[in-house]
Amino acid sequence: MVAKIEDIPLTLIRLAYYEPDWLWVQDLCISLSDHKDKWVRRACVTCFSHLARIHGRIEREKINPVLTRLLDDPDVFGYAEDTLEDLKVFLE
């Protein structure tokens, strides 16, 4: 079975919710955060919020540069702004 690009965002969200290895999910989202598809990039950013909320932690030193970069992405900047605010709520 060949995965379709349309399946990636939902798969990432499901991983954020149900995969106990949150570090692996975080790093997967970091690696996909520059994907050509805006929906994949948006899902990656959203997953950072879910990981922080569900696990109460995330490696901010790794994801802050990603979020900062995505603030300049016209297709993702609103998601990045929301995630930065979510991290303040869930982690501080």
PDB file of N, CA and C in Angstrom:
ATOM      1  N   MET A   1       0.845  -1.178   0.000  1.00  0.00           N
ATOM      2  CA  MET A   1       0.000   0.000   0.000  1.00  0.00           C
ATOM      3  C   MET A   1       0.893   1.246   0.000  1.00  0.00           C
ATOM      4  N   VAL A   2       0.596   2.153  -0.863  1.00  0.00           N
ATOM      5  CA  VAL A   2       1.347   3.395  -0.952  1.00  0.00           C
ATOM      6  C   VAL A   2       0.596   4.482  -0.192  1.00  0.00           C
ATOM      7  N   ALA A   3       1.283   5.132   0.717  1.00  0.00           N
ATOM      8  CA  ALA A   3       0.658   6.213   1.477  1.00  0.00           C
ATOM      9  C   ALA A   3       0.471   7.422   0.578  1.00  0.00           C
ATOM     10  N   LYS A   4      -0.637   8.111   0.772  1.00  0.00           N
ATOM     11  CA  LYS A   4      -0.917   9.327   0.025  1.00  0.00           C
ATOM     12  C   LYS A   4      -0.542  10.521   0.893  1.00  0.00           C
ATOM     13  N   ILE A   5      -0.131  11.590   0.254  1.00  0.00           N
ATOM     14  CA  ILE A   5       0.270  12.784   0.985  1.00  0.00           C
ATOM     15  C   ILE A   5      -0.872  13.292   1.867  1.00  0.00           C
ATOM     16  N   GLU A   6      -2.101  13.074   1.437  1.00  0.00           N
ATOM     17  CA  GLU A   6      -3.262  13.523   2.209  1.00  0.00           C
ATOM     18  C   GLU A   6      -3.385  12.794   3.545  1.00  0.00           C
ATOM     19  N   ASP A   7      -2.746  11.633   3.659  1.00  0.00           N
ATOM     20  CA  ASP A   7      -2.818  10.847   4.894  1.00  0.00           C
ATOM     21  C   ASP A   7      -1.836  11.323   5.968  1.00  0.00           C
ATOM     22  N   ILE A   8      -0.837  12.055   5.569  1.00  0.00           N
ATOM     23  CA  ILE A   8       0.224  12.423   6.511  1.00  0.00           C
ATOM     24  C   ILE A   8      -0.281  13.289   7.657  1.00  0.00           C
ATOM     25  N   PRO A   9      -1.027  14.376   7.411  1.00  0.00           N
ATOM     26  CA  PRO A   9      -1.447  15.215   8.544  1.00  0.00           C
ATOM     27  C   PRO A   9      -2.237  14.468   9.615  1.00  0.00           C
ATOM     28  N   LEU A  10      -3.216  13.669   9.206  1.00  0.00           N
ATOM     29  CA  LEU A  10      -4.011  12.924  10.185  1.00  0.00           C
ATOM     30  C   LEU A  10      -3.150  11.906  10.923  1.00  0.00           C
ATOM     31  N   THR A  11      -2.242  11.282  10.221  1.00  0.00           N
ATOM     32  CA  THR A  11      -1.341  10.325  10.860  1.00  0.00           C
ATOM     33  C   THR A  11      -0.499  11.010  11.928  1.00  0.00           C
ATOM     34  N   LEU A  12       0.007  12.187  11.629  1.00  0.00           N
ATOM     35  CA  LEU A  12       0.802  12.926  12.611  1.00  0.00           C
ATOM     36  C   LEU A  12      -0.032  13.275  13.846  1.00  0.00           C
ATOM     37  N   ILE A  13      -1.248  13.743  13.625  1.00  0.00           N
ATOM     38  CA  ILE A  13      -2.121  14.090  14.759  1.00  0.00           C
ATOM     39  C   ILE A  13      -2.408  12.854  15.601  1.00  0.00           C
ATOM     40  N   ARG A  14      -2.677  11.739  14.952  1.00  0.00           N
ATOM     41  CA  ARG A  14      -2.928  10.495  15.697  1.00  0.00           C
ATOM     42  C   ARG A  14      -1.700  10.081  16.505  1.00  0.00           C
ATOM     43  N   LEU A  15      -0.532  10.233  15.910  1.00  0.00           N
ATOM     44  CA  LEU A  15       0.693   9.914  16.644  1.00  0.00           C
ATOM     45  C   LEU A  15       0.851  10.821  17.862  1.00  0.00           C
ATOM     46  N   ALA A  16       0.565  12.094  17.698  1.00  0.00           N
ATOM     47  CA  ALA A  16       0.681  13.024  18.829  1.00  0.00           C
ATOM     48  C   ALA A  16      -0.247  12.611  19.963  1.00  0.00           C
ATOM     49  N   TYR A  17      -1.423  12.128  19.622  1.00  0.00           N
ATOM     50  CA  TYR A  17      -2.388  11.721  20.643  1.00  0.00           C
ATOM     51  C   TYR A  17      -2.082  10.370  21.283  1.00  0.00           C
ATOM     52  N   TYR A  18      -1.616   9.425  20.494  1.00  0.00           N
ATOM     53  CA  TYR A  18      -1.593   8.048  20.977  1.00  0.00           C
ATOM     54  C   TYR A  18      -0.222   7.385  21.096  1.00  0.00           C
ATOM     55  N   GLU A  19       0.798   7.936  20.485  1.00  0.00           N
ATOM     56  CA  GLU A  19       2.132   7.325  20.563  1.00  0.00           C
ATOM     57  C   GLU A  19       2.796   7.739  21.878  1.00  0.00           C
ATOM     58  N   PRO A  20       3.143   6.786  22.734  1.00  0.00           N
ATOM     59  CA  PRO A  20       3.760   7.143  24.011  1.00  0.00           C
ATOM     60  C   PRO A  20       5.165   7.746  23.877  1.00  0.00           C
ATOM     61  N   ASP A  21       5.853   7.469  22.795  1.00  0.00           N
ATOM     62  CA  ASP A  21       7.203   8.013  22.606  1.00  0.00           C
ATOM     63  C   ASP A  21       7.098   9.421  22.008  1.00  0.00           C
ATOM     64  N   TRP A  22       6.783  10.379  22.880  1.00  0.00           N
ATOM     65  CA  TRP A  22       6.552  11.746  22.424  1.00  0.00           C
ATOM     66  C   TRP A  22       7.788  12.372  21.799  1.00  0.00           C
ATOM     67  N   LEU A  23       8.980  11.958  22.248  1.00  0.00           N
ATOM     68  CA  LEU A  23      10.202  12.489  21.647  1.00  0.00           C
ATOM     69  C   LEU A  23      10.320  12.094  20.180  1.00  0.00           C
ATOM     70  N   TRP A  24       9.962  10.863  19.887  1.00  0.00           N
ATOM     71  CA  TRP A  24      10.003  10.396  18.504  1.00  0.00           C
ATOM     72  C   TRP A  24       9.024  11.187  17.633  1.00  0.00           C
ATOM     73  N   VAL A  25       7.813  11.409  18.159  1.00  0.00           N
ATOM     74  CA  VAL A  25       6.813  12.182  17.414  1.00  0.00           C
ATOM     75  C   VAL A  25       7.293  13.611  17.224  1.00  0.00           C
ATOM     76  N   GLN A  26       7.837  14.201  18.273  1.00  0.00           N
ATOM     77  CA  GLN A  26       8.362  15.559  18.181  1.00  0.00           C
ATOM     78  C   GLN A  26       9.423  15.653  17.083  1.00  0.00           C
ATOM     79  N   ASP A  27      10.366  14.738  17.099  1.00  0.00           N
ATOM     80  CA  ASP A  27      11.444  14.775  16.108  1.00  0.00           C
ATOM     81  C   ASP A  27      10.936  14.490  14.694  1.00  0.00           C
ATOM     82  N   LEU A  28       9.935  13.634  14.575  1.00  0.00           N
ATOM     83  CA  LEU A  28       9.325  13.393  13.275  1.00  0.00           C
ATOM     84  C   LEU A  28       8.679  14.676  12.754  1.00  0.00           C
ATOM     85  N   CYS A  29       7.976  15.369  13.622  1.00  0.00           N
ATOM     86  CA  CYS A  29       7.335  16.626  13.221  1.00  0.00           C
ATOM     87  C   CYS A  29       8.375  17.690  12.874  1.00  0.00           C
ATOM     88  N   ILE A  30       9.448  17.732  13.602  1.00  0.00           N
ATOM     89  CA  ILE A  30      10.525  18.673  13.262  1.00  0.00           C
ATOM     90  C   ILE A  30      11.046  18.355  11.863  1.00  0.00           C
ATOM     91  N   SER A  31      11.273  17.084  11.588  1.00  0.00           N
ATOM     92  CA  SER A  31      11.841  16.707  10.291  1.00  0.00           C
ATOM     93  C   SER A  31      10.872  16.974   9.139  1.00  0.00           C
ATOM     94  N   LEU A  32       9.576  16.955   9.411  1.00  0.00           N
ATOM     95  CA  LEU A  32       8.587  17.201   8.358  1.00  0.00           C
ATOM     96  C   LEU A  32       8.121  18.656   8.302  1.00  0.00           C
ATOM     97  N   SER A  33       8.635  19.488   9.184  1.00  0.00           N
ATOM     98  CA  SER A  33       8.156  20.867   9.280  1.00  0.00           C
ATOM     99  C   SER A  33       8.502  21.733   8.075  1.00  0.00           C
ATOM    100  N   ASP A  34       9.356  21.250   7.209  1.00  0.00           N
ATOM    101  CA  ASP A  34       9.642  21.995   5.980  1.00  0.00           C
ATOM    102  C   ASP A  34       9.098  21.266   4.742  1.00  0.00           C
ATOM    103  N   HIS A  35       8.143  20.384   4.966  1.00  0.00           N
ATOM    104  CA  HIS A  35       7.516  19.628   3.886  1.00  0.00           C
ATOM    105  C   HIS A  35       6.878  20.585   2.880  1.00  0.00           C
ATOM    106  N   LYS A  36       6.816  20.193   1.628  1.00  0.00           N
ATOM    107  CA  LYS A  36       6.269  21.062   0.587  1.00  0.00           C
ATOM    108  C   LYS A  36       4.765  21.295   0.740  1.00  0.00           C
ATOM    109  N   ASP A  37       4.071  20.369   1.384  1.00  0.00           N
ATOM    110  CA  ASP A  37       2.628  20.494   1.561  1.00  0.00           C
ATOM    111  C   ASP A  37       2.297  21.303   2.807  1.00  0.00           C
ATOM    112  N   LYS A  38       1.504  22.360   2.642  1.00  0.00           N
ATOM    113  CA  LYS A  38       1.188  23.233   3.783  1.00  0.00           C
ATOM    114  C   LYS A  38       0.412  22.505   4.868  1.00  0.00           C
ATOM    115  N   TRP A  39      -0.397  21.521   4.499  1.00  0.00           N
ATOM    116  CA  TRP A  39      -1.169  20.796   5.502  1.00  0.00           C
ATOM    117  C   TRP A  39      -0.285  19.919   6.377  1.00  0.00           C
ATOM    118  N   VAL A  40       0.775  19.408   5.819  1.00  0.00           N
ATOM    119  CA  VAL A  40       1.745  18.647   6.602  1.00  0.00           C
ATOM    120  C   VAL A  40       2.451  19.592   7.569  1.00  0.00           C
ATOM    121  N   ARG A  41       2.888  20.749   7.081  1.00  0.00           N
ATOM    122  CA  ARG A  41       3.557  21.721   7.965  1.00  0.00           C
ATOM    123  C   ARG A  41       2.619  22.172   9.079  1.00  0.00           C
ATOM    124  N   ARG A  42       1.377  22.422   8.739  1.00  0.00           N
ATOM    125  CA  ARG A  42       0.398  22.839   9.753  1.00  0.00           C
ATOM    126  C   ARG A  42       0.188  21.740  10.796  1.00  0.00           C
ATOM    127  N   ALA A  43       0.098  20.507  10.354  1.00  0.00           N
ATOM    128  CA  ALA A  43      -0.080  19.395  11.294  1.00  0.00           C
ATOM    129  C   ALA A  43       1.118  19.271  12.224  1.00  0.00           C
ATOM    130  N   CYS A  44       2.304  19.455  11.695  1.00  0.00           N
ATOM    131  CA  CYS A  44       3.509  19.384  12.530  1.00  0.00           C
ATOM    132  C   CYS A  44       3.434  20.402  13.662  1.00  0.00           C
ATOM    133  N   VAL A  45       3.067  21.617  13.323  1.00  0.00           N
ATOM    134  CA  VAL A  45       2.978  22.683  14.330  1.00  0.00           C
ATOM    135  C   VAL A  45       1.890  22.364  15.352  1.00  0.00           C
ATOM    136  N   THR A  46       0.750  21.895  14.877  1.00  0.00           N
ATOM    137  CA  THR A  46      -0.344  21.536  15.771  1.00  0.00           C
ATOM    138  C   THR A  46       0.065  20.407  16.711  1.00  0.00           C
ATOM    139  N   CYS A  47       0.836  19.472  16.213  1.00  0.00           N
ATOM    140  CA  CYS A  47       1.303  18.358  17.047  1.00  0.00           C
ATOM    141  C   CYS A  47       2.167  18.840  18.208  1.00  0.00           C
ATOM    142  N   PHE A  48       2.951  19.883  17.993  1.00  0.00           N
ATOM    143  CA  PHE A  48       3.754  20.415  19.098  1.00  0.00           C
ATOM    144  C   PHE A  48       2.844  20.838  20.256  1.00  0.00           C
ATOM    145  N   SER A  49       1.728  21.479  19.935  1.00  0.00           N
ATOM    146  CA  SER A  49       0.774  21.875  20.978  1.00  0.00           C
ATOM    147  C   SER A  49       0.197  20.655  21.681  1.00  0.00           C
ATOM    148  N   HIS A  50      -0.213  19.671  20.902  1.00  0.00           N
ATOM    149  CA  HIS A  50      -0.798  18.465  21.499  1.00  0.00           C
ATOM    150  C   HIS A  50       0.208  17.734  22.382  1.00  0.00           C
ATOM    151  N   LEU A  51       1.434  17.626  21.928  1.00  0.00           N
ATOM    152  CA  LEU A  51       2.460  16.951  22.731  1.00  0.00           C
ATOM    153  C   LEU A  51       2.680  17.675  24.052  1.00  0.00           C
ATOM    154  N   ALA A  52       2.735  18.986  24.002  1.00  0.00           N
ATOM    155  CA  ALA A  52       2.929  19.761  25.237  1.00  0.00           C
ATOM    156  C   ALA A  52       1.738  19.590  26.169  1.00  0.00           C
ATOM    157  N   ARG A  53       0.548  19.615  25.627  1.00  0.00           N
ATOM    158  CA  ARG A  53      -0.660  19.485  26.445  1.00  0.00           C
ATOM    159  C   ARG A  53      -0.776  18.087  27.042  1.00  0.00           C
ATOM    160  N   ILE A  54      -0.558  17.078  26.237  1.00  0.00           N
ATOM    161  CA  ILE A  54      -0.743  15.692  26.686  1.00  0.00           C
ATOM    162  C   ILE A  54       0.379  15.247  27.626  1.00  0.00           C
ATOM    163  N   HIS A  55       1.610  15.574  27.308  1.00  0.00           N
ATOM    164  CA  HIS A  55       2.760  15.075  28.069  1.00  0.00           C
ATOM    165  C   HIS A  55       3.326  16.090  29.048  1.00  0.00           C
ATOM    166  N   GLY A  56       2.904  17.333  28.928  1.00  0.00           N
ATOM    167  CA  GLY A  56       3.371  18.372  29.848  1.00  0.00           C
ATOM    168  C   GLY A  56       4.822  18.762  29.643  1.00  0.00           C
ATOM    169  N   ARG A  57       5.354  18.404  28.495  1.00  0.00           N
ATOM    170  CA  ARG A  57       6.734  18.770  28.188  1.00  0.00           C
ATOM    171  C   ARG A  57       6.977  18.636  26.691  1.00  0.00           C
ATOM    172  N   ILE A  58       8.015  19.315  26.269  1.00  0.00           N
ATOM    173  CA  ILE A  58       8.467  19.282  24.889  1.00  0.00           C
ATOM    174  C   ILE A  58       9.851  19.916  24.899  1.00  0.00           C
ATOM    175  N   GLU A  59      10.659  19.598  23.932  1.00  0.00           N
ATOM    176  CA  GLU A  59      12.011  20.170  23.893  1.00  0.00           C
ATOM    177  C   GLU A  59      11.970  21.511  23.170  1.00  0.00           C
ATOM    178  N   ARG A  60      11.733  22.539  23.952  1.00  0.00           N
ATOM    179  CA  ARG A  60      11.561  23.873  23.369  1.00  0.00           C
ATOM    180  C   ARG A  60      12.800  24.343  22.628  1.00  0.00           C
ATOM    181  N   GLU A  61      13.979  23.906  23.086  1.00  0.00           N
ATOM    182  CA  GLU A  61      15.200  24.319  22.399  1.00  0.00           C
ATOM    183  C   GLU A  61      15.258  23.760  20.975  1.00  0.00           C
ATOM    184  N   LYS A  62      14.522  22.695  20.733  1.00  0.00           N
ATOM    185  CA  LYS A  62      14.454  22.124  19.385  1.00  0.00           C
ATOM    186  C   LYS A  62      13.310  22.722  18.563  1.00  0.00           C
ATOM    187  N   ILE A  63      12.174  22.941  19.195  1.00  0.00           N
ATOM    188  CA  ILE A  63      11.035  23.375  18.399  1.00  0.00           C
ATOM    189  C   ILE A  63      10.916  24.890  18.249  1.00  0.00           C
ATOM    190  N   ASN A  64      11.492  25.661  19.176  1.00  0.00           N
ATOM    191  CA  ASN A  64      11.406  27.116  19.033  1.00  0.00           C
ATOM    192  C   ASN A  64      12.006  27.612  17.722  1.00  0.00           C
ATOM    193  N   PRO A  65      13.172  27.119  17.297  1.00  0.00           N
ATOM    194  CA  PRO A  65      13.680  27.569  15.995  1.00  0.00           C
ATOM    195  C   PRO A  65      12.756  27.188  14.827  1.00  0.00           C
ATOM    196  N   VAL A  66      12.110  26.047  14.930  1.00  0.00           N
ATOM    197  CA  VAL A  66      11.172  25.616  13.896  1.00  0.00           C
ATOM    198  C   VAL A  66       9.977  26.565  13.862  1.00  0.00           C
ATOM    199  N   LEU A  67       9.430  26.854  15.030  1.00  0.00           N
ATOM    200  CA  LEU A  67       8.281  27.755  15.089  1.00  0.00           C
ATOM    201  C   LEU A  67       8.653  29.158  14.621  1.00  0.00           C
ATOM    202  N   THR A  68       9.820  29.618  15.001  1.00  0.00           N
ATOM    203  CA  THR A  68      10.279  30.939  14.559  1.00  0.00           C
ATOM    204  C   THR A  68      10.391  30.987  13.042  1.00  0.00           C
ATOM    205  N   ARG A  69      10.942  29.944  12.447  1.00  0.00           N
ATOM    206  CA  ARG A  69      11.056  29.875  10.984  1.00  0.00           C
ATOM    207  C   ARG A  69       9.678  29.875  10.336  1.00  0.00           C
ATOM    208  N   LEU A  70       8.746  29.152  10.930  1.00  0.00           N
ATOM    209  CA  LEU A  70       7.420  29.031  10.342  1.00  0.00           C
ATOM    210  C   LEU A  70       6.569  30.281  10.534  1.00  0.00           C
ATOM    211  N   LEU A  71       6.987  31.173  11.405  1.00  0.00           N
ATOM    212  CA  LEU A  71       6.298  32.461  11.512  1.00  0.00           C
ATOM    213  C   LEU A  71       6.422  33.255  10.215  1.00  0.00           C
ATOM    214  N   ASP A  72       7.436  32.940   9.414  1.00  0.00           N
ATOM    215  CA  ASP A  72       7.637  33.594   8.119  1.00  0.00           C
ATOM    216  C   ASP A  72       6.963  32.853   6.972  1.00  0.00           C
ATOM    217  N   ASP A  73       6.297  31.763   7.268  1.00  0.00           N
ATOM    218  CA  ASP A  73       5.610  30.968   6.252  1.00  0.00           C
ATOM    219  C   ASP A  73       4.159  31.457   6.170  1.00  0.00           C
ATOM    220  N   PRO A  74       3.751  32.061   5.053  1.00  0.00           N
ATOM    221  CA  PRO A  74       2.395  32.618   4.979  1.00  0.00           C
ATOM    222  C   PRO A  74       1.283  31.582   5.126  1.00  0.00           C
ATOM    223  N   ASP A  75       1.579  30.324   4.865  1.00  0.00           N
ATOM    224  CA  ASP A  75       0.570  29.279   4.999  1.00  0.00           C
ATOM    225  C   ASP A  75       0.476  28.693   6.398  1.00  0.00           C
ATOM    226  N   VAL A  76       1.437  29.027   7.252  1.00  0.00           N
ATOM    227  CA  VAL A  76       1.517  28.355   8.557  1.00  0.00           C
ATOM    228  C   VAL A  76       1.644  29.336   9.728  1.00  0.00           C
ATOM    229  N   PHE A  77       1.921  30.603   9.457  1.00  0.00           N
ATOM    230  CA  PHE A  77       2.284  31.512  10.546  1.00  0.00           C
ATOM    231  C   PHE A  77       1.225  31.590  11.642  1.00  0.00           C
ATOM    232  N   GLY A  78      -0.053  31.541  11.304  1.00  0.00           N
ATOM    233  CA  GLY A  78      -1.094  31.595  12.328  1.00  0.00           C
ATOM    234  C   GLY A  78      -1.053  30.385  13.248  1.00  0.00           C
ATOM    235  N   TYR A  79      -0.772  29.243  12.688  1.00  0.00           N
ATOM    236  CA  TYR A  79      -0.636  28.021  13.477  1.00  0.00           C
ATOM    237  C   TYR A  79       0.581  28.114  14.400  1.00  0.00           C
ATOM    238  N   ALA A  80       1.671  28.670  13.873  1.00  0.00           N
ATOM    239  CA  ALA A  80       2.884  28.827  14.682  1.00  0.00           C
ATOM    240  C   ALA A  80       2.635  29.795  15.834  1.00  0.00           C
ATOM    241  N   GLU A  81       1.927  30.892  15.555  1.00  0.00           N
ATOM    242  CA  GLU A  81       1.599  31.847  16.623  1.00  0.00           C
ATOM    243  C   GLU A  81       0.750  31.179  17.702  1.00  0.00           C
ATOM    244  N   ASP A  82      -0.261  30.435  17.277  1.00  0.00           N
ATOM    245  CA  ASP A  82      -1.124  29.744  18.239  1.00  0.00           C
ATOM    246  C   ASP A  82      -0.338  28.743  19.077  1.00  0.00           C
ATOM    247  N   THR A  83       0.566  28.027  18.449  1.00  0.00           N
ATOM    248  CA  THR A  83       1.358  27.039  19.179  1.00  0.00           C
ATOM    249  C   THR A  83       2.269  27.705  20.194  1.00  0.00           C
ATOM    250  N   LEU A  84       2.884  28.809  19.828  1.00  0.00           N
ATOM    251  CA  LEU A  84       3.728  29.529  20.788  1.00  0.00           C
ATOM    252  C   LEU A  84       2.911  29.959  22.009  1.00  0.00           C
ATOM    253  N   GLU A  85       1.678  30.399  21.789  1.00  0.00           N
ATOM    254  CA  GLU A  85       0.803  30.757  22.903  1.00  0.00           C
ATOM    255  C   GLU A  85       0.405  29.526  23.709  1.00  0.00           C
ATOM    256  N   ASP A  86       0.101  28.436  23.023  1.00  0.00           N
ATOM    257  CA  ASP A  86      -0.249  27.184  23.719  1.00  0.00           C
ATOM    258  C   ASP A  86       0.885  26.720  24.623  1.00  0.00           C
ATOM    259  N   LEU A  87       2.098  26.827  24.148  1.00  0.00           N
ATOM    260  CA  LEU A  87       3.241  26.379  24.953  1.00  0.00           C
ATOM    261  C   LEU A  87       3.355  27.181  26.233  1.00  0.00           C
ATOM    262  N   LYS A  88       3.021  28.445  26.180  1.00  0.00           N
ATOM    263  CA  LYS A  88       3.026  29.260  27.405  1.00  0.00           C
ATOM    264  C   LYS A  88       1.995  28.729  28.411  1.00  0.00           C
ATOM    265  N   VAL A  89       0.844  28.336  27.903  1.00  0.00           N
ATOM    266  CA  VAL A  89      -0.219  27.839  28.774  1.00  0.00           C
ATOM    267  C   VAL A  89       0.118  26.460  29.332  1.00  0.00           C
ATOM    268  N   PHE A  90       0.587  25.569  28.471  1.00  0.00           N
ATOM    269  CA  PHE A  90       0.773  24.181  28.885  1.00  0.00           C
ATOM    270  C   PHE A  90       2.089  23.918  29.610  1.00  0.00           C
ATOM    271  N   LEU A  91       3.086  24.794  29.426  1.00  0.00           N
ATOM    272  CA  LEU A  91       4.408  24.509  29.980  1.00  0.00           C
ATOM    273  C   LEU A  91       4.909  25.531  31.005  1.00  0.00           C
ATOM    274  N   GLU A  92       4.235  26.637  31.131  1.00  0.00           N
ATOM    275  CA  GLU A  92       4.756  27.648  32.072  1.00  0.00           C
ATOM    276  C   GLU A  92       3.833  27.853  33.236  1.00  0.00           C
TER     277      GLU A  92
END
